[in-house]
C-alpha cells in the first residue's frame, strides 16, 4: 500500500509539473479580460491555475483514485472561461464607468465552483 501511495504521489507530481506551462497559457486566456482593467489580477490568476493543476493531480492519490488518472488543463474549458470572464466584465460594468473586478472574480469563482460540484456529483 505504501509503495502504491508513493507511486501515485510521484505520478501526480510529474503530471502536475508537466502541465505548468499549459496552465500558465490558459490562465492568460482566462484572466486577460479582467487584467485589462486591473493588471495585477493576471499574475494571481497564473499562480492559481498552477496550484489548481498541481493539486488536481495530487488529491486523487490521497483517496486512492482509479488506476490511471491524469487531470490536465483543457483548452476548451480555458476558452469558455475566457469568454465567460469577458461577459462577466461587461455585465458588472456600469454604463460609462469602470467594471467591478472584485465582483467579476467572485462570479467567475462561483461558476468554477458550481462546475466542480457538478463534476463530483456525476
N, C-alpha and C. Protein backbone atom coordinates (compact mmCIF):
# COMPACT_ATOMS: atom_id res chain seq x y z
N UNK A 1 0.82 -1.20 0.00
CA UNK A 1 0.00 0.00 0.00
C UNK A 1 0.86 1.25 0.00
N UNK A 2 1.96 1.25 0.79
CA UNK A 2 2.83 2.43 0.88
C UNK A 2 3.50 2.70 -0.47
N UNK A 3 3.91 1.62 -1.16
CA UNK A 3 4.56 1.80 -2.45
C UNK A 3 3.57 2.36 -3.47
N UNK A 4 2.32 1.91 -3.42
CA UNK A 4 1.30 2.42 -4.32
C UNK A 4 1.07 3.91 -4.08
N UNK A 5 1.01 4.31 -2.82
CA UNK A 5 0.79 5.72 -2.49
C UNK A 5 1.97 6.56 -2.99
N UNK A 6 3.18 6.05 -2.81
CA UNK A 6 4.38 6.75 -3.28
C UNK A 6 4.37 6.88 -4.80
N UNK A 7 4.04 5.80 -5.47
CA UNK A 7 3.97 5.84 -6.94
C UNK A 7 2.90 6.83 -7.41
N UNK A 8 1.74 6.83 -6.75
CA UNK A 8 0.68 7.77 -7.11
C UNK A 8 1.13 9.21 -6.89
N UNK A 9 1.83 9.45 -5.79
CA UNK A 9 2.30 10.80 -5.49
C UNK A 9 3.33 11.27 -6.51
N UNK A 10 4.25 10.41 -6.84
CA UNK A 10 5.27 10.76 -7.85
C UNK A 10 4.60 10.99 -9.20
N UNK A 11 3.68 10.12 -9.57
CA UNK A 11 2.97 10.28 -10.84
C UNK A 11 2.17 11.57 -10.89
N UNK A 12 1.46 11.87 -9.81
CA UNK A 12 0.70 13.11 -9.76
C UNK A 12 1.60 14.33 -9.81
N UNK A 13 2.75 14.28 -9.14
CA UNK A 13 3.70 15.40 -9.15
C UNK A 13 4.27 15.63 -10.55
N UNK A 14 4.66 14.54 -11.21
CA UNK A 14 5.23 14.67 -12.55
C UNK A 14 4.19 15.22 -13.52
N UNK A 15 2.98 14.70 -13.47
CA UNK A 15 1.92 15.19 -14.36
C UNK A 15 1.63 16.65 -14.07
N UNK A 16 1.63 17.03 -12.80
CA UNK A 16 1.41 18.42 -12.45
C UNK A 16 2.51 19.32 -12.95
N UNK A 17 3.76 18.90 -12.83
CA UNK A 17 4.89 19.71 -13.31
C UNK A 17 4.87 19.86 -14.82
N UNK A 18 4.51 18.80 -15.53
CA UNK A 18 4.47 18.87 -16.98
C UNK A 18 3.35 19.78 -17.48
N UNK A 19 2.33 19.96 -16.68
CA UNK A 19 1.18 20.77 -17.09
C UNK A 19 1.33 22.25 -16.75
N UNK A 20 2.41 22.64 -16.06
CA UNK A 20 2.56 24.04 -15.63
C UNK A 20 2.57 25.02 -16.81
N UNK A 21 3.35 24.80 -17.88
CA UNK A 21 3.33 25.77 -18.98
C UNK A 21 1.94 25.90 -19.62
N UNK A 22 1.26 24.79 -19.74
CA UNK A 22 -0.09 24.81 -20.32
C UNK A 22 -1.04 25.58 -19.41
N UNK A 23 -0.93 25.37 -18.11
CA UNK A 23 -1.79 26.08 -17.16
C UNK A 23 -1.52 27.58 -17.20
N UNK A 24 -0.27 27.96 -17.35
CA UNK A 24 0.06 29.38 -17.43
C UNK A 24 -0.57 30.03 -18.67
N UNK A 25 -0.50 29.33 -19.78
CA UNK A 25 -1.10 29.87 -21.01
C UNK A 25 -2.61 29.99 -20.88
N UNK A 26 -3.24 28.99 -20.28
CA UNK A 26 -4.69 29.05 -20.12
C UNK A 26 -5.09 30.13 -19.12
N UNK A 27 -4.25 30.37 -18.11
CA UNK A 27 -4.54 31.45 -17.16
C UNK A 27 -4.54 32.80 -17.86
N UNK A 28 -3.63 32.98 -18.79
CA UNK A 28 -3.60 34.23 -19.55
C UNK A 28 -4.88 34.39 -20.36
N UNK A 29 -5.35 33.30 -20.96
CA UNK A 29 -6.60 33.34 -21.72
C UNK A 29 -7.77 33.70 -20.81
N UNK A 30 -7.84 33.06 -19.65
CA UNK A 30 -8.98 33.24 -18.76
C UNK A 30 -8.98 34.62 -18.10
N UNK A 31 -7.82 35.07 -17.63
CA UNK A 31 -7.78 36.28 -16.83
C UNK A 31 -7.48 37.55 -17.63
N UNK A 32 -7.22 37.46 -18.92
CA UNK A 32 -6.94 38.65 -19.72
C UNK A 32 -8.10 39.66 -19.73
N UNK A 33 -9.36 39.22 -19.85
CA UNK A 33 -10.43 40.21 -19.82
C UNK A 33 -10.49 41.00 -18.49
N UNK A 34 -10.08 40.36 -17.40
CA UNK A 34 -10.06 41.05 -16.12
C UNK A 34 -8.82 41.92 -15.98
N UNK A 35 -7.69 41.45 -16.54
CA UNK A 35 -6.42 42.17 -16.41
C UNK A 35 -6.39 43.46 -17.22
N UNK A 36 -7.27 43.58 -18.19
CA UNK A 36 -7.33 44.82 -18.96
C UNK A 36 -7.63 45.99 -18.04
N UNK A 37 -8.48 45.76 -17.06
CA UNK A 37 -8.89 46.82 -16.14
C UNK A 37 -8.08 46.83 -14.85
N UNK A 38 -7.52 45.69 -14.47
CA UNK A 38 -6.69 45.60 -13.26
C UNK A 38 -5.56 44.61 -13.53
N UNK A 39 -4.38 45.12 -13.98
CA UNK A 39 -3.28 44.24 -14.40
C UNK A 39 -2.76 43.30 -13.32
N UNK A 40 -2.89 43.64 -12.05
CA UNK A 40 -2.35 42.76 -11.01
C UNK A 40 -3.14 41.46 -10.87
N UNK A 41 -4.26 41.34 -11.54
CA UNK A 41 -5.06 40.11 -11.49
C UNK A 41 -4.39 38.98 -12.28
N UNK A 42 -3.67 39.32 -13.33
CA UNK A 42 -3.08 38.30 -14.20
C UNK A 42 -2.06 37.41 -13.48
N UNK A 43 -1.08 37.95 -12.76
CA UNK A 43 -0.15 37.04 -12.06
C UNK A 43 -0.84 36.18 -11.00
N UNK A 44 -1.85 36.74 -10.34
CA UNK A 44 -2.60 35.97 -9.35
C UNK A 44 -3.33 34.82 -10.04
N UNK A 45 -3.90 35.10 -11.20
CA UNK A 45 -4.58 34.06 -11.97
C UNK A 45 -3.63 32.97 -12.43
N UNK A 46 -2.44 33.35 -12.84
CA UNK A 46 -1.45 32.36 -13.28
C UNK A 46 -1.06 31.44 -12.12
N UNK A 47 -0.79 32.04 -10.96
CA UNK A 47 -0.43 31.23 -9.79
C UNK A 47 -1.58 30.31 -9.39
N UNK A 48 -2.81 30.82 -9.43
CA UNK A 48 -3.95 29.98 -9.04
C UNK A 48 -4.14 28.82 -10.01
N UNK A 49 -3.92 29.02 -11.30
CA UNK A 49 -4.04 27.93 -12.26
C UNK A 49 -2.95 26.89 -12.06
N UNK A 50 -1.73 27.33 -11.74
CA UNK A 50 -0.64 26.39 -11.49
C UNK A 50 -0.95 25.54 -10.27
N UNK A 51 -1.41 26.18 -9.19
CA UNK A 51 -1.76 25.43 -7.98
C UNK A 51 -2.91 24.46 -8.23
N UNK A 52 -3.87 24.90 -9.01
CA UNK A 52 -5.01 24.04 -9.30
C UNK A 52 -4.59 22.79 -10.06
N UNK A 53 -3.75 22.95 -11.06
CA UNK A 53 -3.30 21.80 -11.84
C UNK A 53 -2.49 20.86 -10.95
N UNK A 54 -1.61 21.40 -10.14
CA UNK A 54 -0.78 20.57 -9.29
C UNK A 54 -1.63 19.80 -8.27
N UNK A 55 -2.56 20.49 -7.63
CA UNK A 55 -3.41 19.84 -6.63
C UNK A 55 -4.40 18.85 -7.27
N UNK A 56 -4.85 19.17 -8.48
CA UNK A 56 -5.78 18.25 -9.16
C UNK A 56 -5.13 16.91 -9.47
N UNK A 57 -3.82 16.90 -9.54
CA UNK A 57 -3.12 15.64 -9.77
C UNK A 57 -2.70 14.97 -8.48
N UNK A 58 -2.55 15.71 -7.40
CA UNK A 58 -2.13 15.11 -6.14
C UNK A 58 -3.30 14.64 -5.28
N UNK A 59 -4.42 15.32 -5.33
CA UNK A 59 -5.57 14.98 -4.47
C UNK A 59 -6.10 13.57 -4.76
N UNK A 60 -6.23 13.14 -6.03
CA UNK A 60 -6.74 11.78 -6.26
C UNK A 60 -5.89 10.68 -5.62
N UNK A 61 -4.57 10.91 -5.50
CA UNK A 61 -3.74 9.86 -4.90
C UNK A 61 -4.05 9.71 -3.41
N UNK A 62 -4.53 10.76 -2.76
CA UNK A 62 -4.87 10.67 -1.34
C UNK A 62 -6.12 9.82 -1.12
N UNK A 63 -6.98 9.75 -2.13
CA UNK A 63 -8.21 8.98 -2.00
C UNK A 63 -8.15 7.65 -2.72
N UNK A 64 -6.97 7.29 -3.22
CA UNK A 64 -6.83 6.00 -3.92
C UNK A 64 -7.69 5.95 -5.16
N UNK A 65 -7.54 6.95 -6.01
CA UNK A 65 -8.34 7.07 -7.22
C UNK A 65 -8.15 5.91 -8.17
N UNK A 66 -8.67 6.01 -9.38
CA UNK A 66 -8.57 4.92 -10.35
C UNK A 66 -7.11 4.63 -10.71
N UNK A 67 -6.90 3.50 -11.32
CA UNK A 67 -5.55 3.06 -11.66
C UNK A 67 -4.85 4.04 -12.57
N UNK A 68 -5.54 4.59 -13.54
CA UNK A 68 -4.97 5.57 -14.46
C UNK A 68 -5.84 6.82 -14.42
N UNK A 69 -5.24 7.93 -13.97
CA UNK A 69 -5.97 9.20 -13.90
C UNK A 69 -4.96 10.32 -14.09
N UNK A 70 -5.19 11.14 -15.08
CA UNK A 70 -4.37 12.33 -15.28
C UNK A 70 -5.34 13.49 -15.43
N UNK A 71 -5.19 14.47 -14.57
CA UNK A 71 -6.04 15.66 -14.62
C UNK A 71 -5.21 16.80 -15.20
N UNK A 72 -5.47 17.14 -16.43
CA UNK A 72 -4.72 18.21 -17.08
C UNK A 72 -5.67 19.34 -17.47
N UNK A 73 -5.11 20.53 -17.66
CA UNK A 73 -5.96 21.63 -18.14
C UNK A 73 -6.51 21.28 -19.52
N UNK A 74 -7.64 21.83 -19.82
CA UNK A 74 -8.33 21.52 -21.07
C UNK A 74 -8.54 22.82 -21.83
N UNK A 75 -8.09 22.88 -23.06
CA UNK A 75 -8.12 24.12 -23.83
C UNK A 75 -9.53 24.66 -24.03
N UNK A 76 -10.48 23.80 -24.27
CA UNK A 76 -11.85 24.26 -24.49
C UNK A 76 -12.40 24.91 -23.22
N UNK A 77 -12.09 24.35 -22.08
CA UNK A 77 -12.53 24.95 -20.82
C UNK A 77 -11.92 26.33 -20.64
N UNK A 78 -10.65 26.49 -20.99
CA UNK A 78 -9.99 27.78 -20.85
C UNK A 78 -10.64 28.82 -21.76
N UNK A 79 -10.93 28.43 -22.98
CA UNK A 79 -11.58 29.37 -23.91
C UNK A 79 -12.97 29.73 -23.41
N UNK A 80 -13.72 28.74 -22.94
CA UNK A 80 -15.07 29.02 -22.43
C UNK A 80 -15.02 29.94 -21.21
N UNK A 81 -14.07 29.70 -20.30
CA UNK A 81 -13.94 30.56 -19.13
C UNK A 81 -13.47 31.96 -19.52
N UNK A 82 -12.62 32.06 -20.53
CA UNK A 82 -12.18 33.38 -21.01
C UNK A 82 -13.34 34.18 -21.57
N UNK A 83 -14.16 33.54 -22.37
CA UNK A 83 -15.35 34.21 -22.92
C UNK A 83 -16.31 34.58 -21.79
N UNK A 84 -16.48 33.67 -20.85
CA UNK A 84 -17.35 33.94 -19.71
C UNK A 84 -16.81 35.11 -18.88
N UNK A 85 -15.49 35.15 -18.68
CA UNK A 85 -14.89 36.26 -17.93
C UNK A 85 -15.14 37.58 -18.64
N UNK A 86 -15.03 37.59 -19.96
CA UNK A 86 -15.31 38.82 -20.72
C UNK A 86 -16.77 39.24 -20.56
N UNK A 87 -17.68 38.27 -20.61
CA UNK A 87 -19.11 38.58 -20.43
C UNK A 87 -19.41 39.09 -19.02
N UNK A 88 -18.73 38.50 -18.04
CA UNK A 88 -18.92 38.94 -16.66
C UNK A 88 -18.42 40.37 -16.50
N UNK A 89 -17.27 40.69 -17.09
CA UNK A 89 -16.74 42.06 -17.01
C UNK A 89 -17.74 43.04 -17.62
N UNK A 90 -18.31 42.67 -18.74
CA UNK A 90 -19.31 43.54 -19.37
C UNK A 90 -20.52 43.70 -18.47
N UNK A 91 -20.96 42.62 -17.83
CA UNK A 91 -22.18 42.69 -17.02
C UNK A 91 -21.98 43.44 -15.71
N UNK A 92 -20.73 43.53 -15.19
CA UNK A 92 -20.50 44.25 -13.94
C UNK A 92 -19.98 45.67 -14.18
N UNK A 93 -20.04 46.12 -15.42
CA UNK A 93 -19.60 47.47 -15.75
C UNK A 93 -20.81 48.39 -15.87
N UNK A 94 -20.90 49.38 -14.98
CA UNK A 94 -22.00 50.33 -15.12
C UNK A 94 -21.78 51.19 -16.37
N UNK A 95 -22.83 51.71 -16.92
CA UNK A 95 -22.73 52.49 -18.14
C UNK A 95 -21.82 53.69 -17.93
N UNK A 96 -20.77 53.74 -18.72
CA UNK A 96 -19.83 54.85 -18.65
C UNK A 96 -18.87 54.78 -17.47
N UNK A 97 -18.83 53.66 -16.75
CA UNK A 97 -17.97 53.55 -15.57
C UNK A 97 -16.95 52.44 -15.69
N UNK A 98 -16.25 52.23 -14.60
CA UNK A 98 -15.25 51.16 -14.52
C UNK A 98 -15.91 49.88 -13.99
N UNK A 99 -15.48 48.71 -14.49
CA UNK A 99 -16.07 47.46 -14.01
C UNK A 99 -15.64 47.15 -12.58
N UNK A 100 -16.51 46.44 -11.88
CA UNK A 100 -16.21 45.97 -10.52
C UNK A 100 -15.48 44.63 -10.66
N UNK A 101 -14.16 44.68 -10.71
CA UNK A 101 -13.36 43.47 -10.96
C UNK A 101 -13.47 42.49 -9.79
N UNK A 102 -13.62 43.01 -8.57
CA UNK A 102 -13.78 42.11 -7.42
C UNK A 102 -15.03 41.26 -7.57
N UNK A 103 -16.13 41.88 -7.97
CA UNK A 103 -17.37 41.14 -8.19
C UNK A 103 -17.20 40.16 -9.36
N UNK A 104 -16.49 40.58 -10.40
CA UNK A 104 -16.26 39.69 -11.54
C UNK A 104 -15.48 38.46 -11.11
N UNK A 105 -14.47 38.63 -10.26
CA UNK A 105 -13.69 37.49 -9.77
C UNK A 105 -14.55 36.54 -8.94
N UNK A 106 -15.41 37.11 -8.11
CA UNK A 106 -16.29 36.28 -7.29
C UNK A 106 -17.25 35.49 -8.17
N UNK A 107 -17.81 36.13 -9.19
CA UNK A 107 -18.73 35.43 -10.09
C UNK A 107 -18.01 34.33 -10.88
N UNK A 108 -16.78 34.61 -11.32
CA UNK A 108 -16.01 33.60 -12.03
C UNK A 108 -15.68 32.42 -11.11
N UNK A 109 -15.34 32.70 -9.88
CA UNK A 109 -15.08 31.63 -8.91
C UNK A 109 -16.35 30.81 -8.66
N UNK A 110 -17.50 31.47 -8.59
CA UNK A 110 -18.76 30.76 -8.38
C UNK A 110 -19.04 29.81 -9.54
N UNK A 111 -18.78 30.25 -10.75
CA UNK A 111 -19.00 29.38 -11.92
C UNK A 111 -18.10 28.16 -11.85
N UNK A 112 -16.84 28.37 -11.50
CA UNK A 112 -15.90 27.24 -11.41
C UNK A 112 -16.30 26.30 -10.27
N UNK A 113 -16.73 26.84 -9.15
CA UNK A 113 -17.15 26.02 -8.01
C UNK A 113 -18.38 25.18 -8.36
N UNK A 114 -19.34 25.78 -9.02
CA UNK A 114 -20.54 25.04 -9.43
C UNK A 114 -20.17 23.94 -10.42
N UNK A 115 -19.26 24.25 -11.33
CA UNK A 115 -18.80 23.23 -12.28
C UNK A 115 -18.12 22.07 -11.56
N UNK A 116 -17.31 22.38 -10.56
CA UNK A 116 -16.62 21.33 -9.79
C UNK A 116 -17.63 20.45 -9.05
N UNK A 117 -18.63 21.07 -8.46
CA UNK A 117 -19.65 20.32 -7.73
C UNK A 117 -20.38 19.37 -8.67
N UNK A 118 -20.73 19.87 -9.84
CA UNK A 118 -21.43 19.02 -10.82
C UNK A 118 -20.55 17.84 -11.23
N UNK A 119 -19.25 18.09 -11.44
CA UNK A 119 -18.36 17.00 -11.84
C UNK A 119 -18.21 15.96 -10.74
N UNK A 120 -18.17 16.39 -9.49
CA UNK A 120 -18.06 15.44 -8.37
C UNK A 120 -19.34 14.62 -8.26
N UNK A 121 -20.47 15.24 -8.45
CA UNK A 121 -21.75 14.53 -8.33
C UNK A 121 -21.96 13.53 -9.46
N UNK A 122 -21.39 13.80 -10.63
CA UNK A 122 -21.56 12.88 -11.74
C UNK A 122 -20.59 11.74 -11.58
